[in-house]
Amino acid sequence: MIRYSGAKNEKDFTNFAELQIICTAPSFNPGIAIGVVFDPPSYIRKSPNGKIICAVKELRAIELNGGITPDGWLFTPICGGGVIHKSQIRFN
């Protein structure tokens, strides 16, 4: 098992192990990917550099769909739909 260097307790190790499983599972829907918000908090915005609509406050996997903008913003349906910058996401 890969160790998550940000783990503060055993629960964090368990969560990281679960994310490893989630993020290595293939998506069966074309155009949909799963990425990990690896260093929260990370913000979901209505549009690139736009108004913040919510914050992802924990290490977690999120769905990404609809591609990427030329300046690196990924579309996601979380928080009712918005974008997150690619620098906030890791893929396996």
Protein backbone atom coordinates (compact mmCIF):
# COMPACT_ATOMS: atom_id res chain seq x y z
CA MET A 1 0.00 0.00 0.00
CA ILE A 2 1.23 3.50 -0.84
CA ARG A 3 1.39 5.72 2.23
CA TYR A 4 -0.37 9.07 2.18
CA SER A 5 2.14 11.51 3.67
CA GLY A 6 -0.62 13.83 4.90
CA ALA A 7 -2.20 11.16 7.11
CA LYS A 8 -2.69 12.24 10.69
CA ASN A 9 -4.28 9.04 11.97
CA GLU A 10 -5.36 5.54 10.95
CA LYS A 11 -8.66 6.83 9.52
CA ASP A 12 -6.70 8.94 7.01
CA PHE A 13 -4.78 5.82 5.90
CA THR A 14 -8.08 3.96 5.45
CA ASN A 15 -9.57 6.82 3.44
CA PHE A 16 -6.48 6.94 1.23
CA ALA A 17 -6.68 3.18 0.62
CA GLU A 18 -10.33 3.56 -0.40
CA LEU A 19 -9.41 6.37 -2.79
CA GLN A 20 -6.73 4.20 -4.38
CA ILE A 21 -9.40 1.63 -5.19
CA ILE A 22 -11.87 4.22 -6.50
CA CYS A 23 -9.28 5.97 -8.65
CA THR A 24 -8.01 2.82 -10.29
CA ALA A 25 -11.50 1.62 -11.22
CA PRO A 26 -12.33 2.26 -14.87
CA SER A 27 -15.23 4.48 -15.84
CA PHE A 28 -17.76 2.81 -18.08
CA ASN A 29 -19.20 6.11 -19.25
CA PRO A 30 -17.41 7.86 -22.12
CA GLY A 31 -16.22 11.34 -21.23
CA ILE A 32 -16.31 10.78 -17.47
CA ALA A 33 -13.18 10.54 -15.33
CA ILE A 34 -12.49 10.28 -11.62
CA GLY A 35 -9.83 12.48 -10.04
CA VAL A 36 -8.66 13.00 -6.47
CA VAL A 37 -8.73 16.34 -4.71
CA PHE A 38 -5.38 15.68 -3.05
CA ASP A 39 -4.66 18.79 -0.98
CA PRO A 40 -7.90 20.28 0.31
CA PRO A 41 -9.45 22.73 0.64
CA SER A 42 -10.03 23.14 -3.09
CA TYR A 43 -12.70 25.34 -4.59
CA ILE A 44 -15.39 24.58 -7.13
CA ARG A 45 -16.19 27.69 -9.13
CA LYS A 46 -19.15 28.58 -11.34
CA SER A 47 -16.76 29.41 -14.20
CA PRO A 48 -12.96 29.63 -14.63
CA ASN A 49 -11.65 32.16 -12.08
CA GLY A 50 -15.31 32.85 -11.27
CA LYS A 51 -17.40 32.89 -8.13
CA ILE A 52 -16.69 30.10 -5.62
CA ILE A 53 -19.77 27.92 -5.22
CA CYS A 54 -18.37 25.42 -2.71
CA ALA A 55 -15.21 23.97 -1.19
CA VAL A 56 -14.02 20.37 -1.17
CA LYS A 57 -12.67 20.15 2.37
CA GLU A 58 -11.41 16.58 2.51
CA LEU A 59 -9.26 14.21 0.50
CA ARG A 60 -11.81 12.66 -1.87
CA ALA A 61 -12.50 11.45 -5.36
CA ILE A 62 -14.73 13.55 -7.59
CA GLU A 63 -16.33 12.99 -10.97
CA LEU A 64 -15.05 15.07 -13.87
CA ASN A 65 -16.84 15.38 -17.18
CA GLY A 66 -17.12 17.64 -20.17
CA GLY A 67 -13.43 18.05 -20.87
CA ILE A 68 -10.96 20.75 -19.97
CA THR A 69 -10.74 24.43 -20.89
CA PRO A 70 -7.62 25.78 -22.66
CA ASP A 71 -6.43 27.32 -19.38
CA GLY A 72 -6.75 24.10 -17.34
CA TRP A 73 -10.22 24.07 -15.76
CA LEU A 74 -12.05 20.73 -15.50
CA PHE A 75 -15.83 20.46 -15.46
CA THR A 76 -17.48 18.61 -12.55
CA PRO A 77 -21.10 17.99 -11.55
CA ILE A 78 -20.41 18.35 -7.81
CA CYS A 79 -21.92 21.33 -6.01
CA GLY A 80 -24.56 21.55 -8.71
CA GLY A 81 -21.97 21.86 -11.49
CA GLY A 82 -18.87 23.97 -11.88
CA VAL A 83 -15.15 23.82 -12.56
CA ILE A 84 -12.01 22.97 -10.60
CA HIS A 85 -8.47 23.79 -11.72
CA LYS A 86 -6.30 20.87 -12.89
CA SER A 87 -3.63 21.80 -10.30
CA GLN A 88 -6.05 20.64 -7.58
CA ILE A 89 -6.63 17.16 -9.06
CA ARG A 90 -4.50 14.02 -9.34
CA PHE A 91 -5.20 11.05 -11.58
CA ASN A 92 -3.80 7.55 -11.25
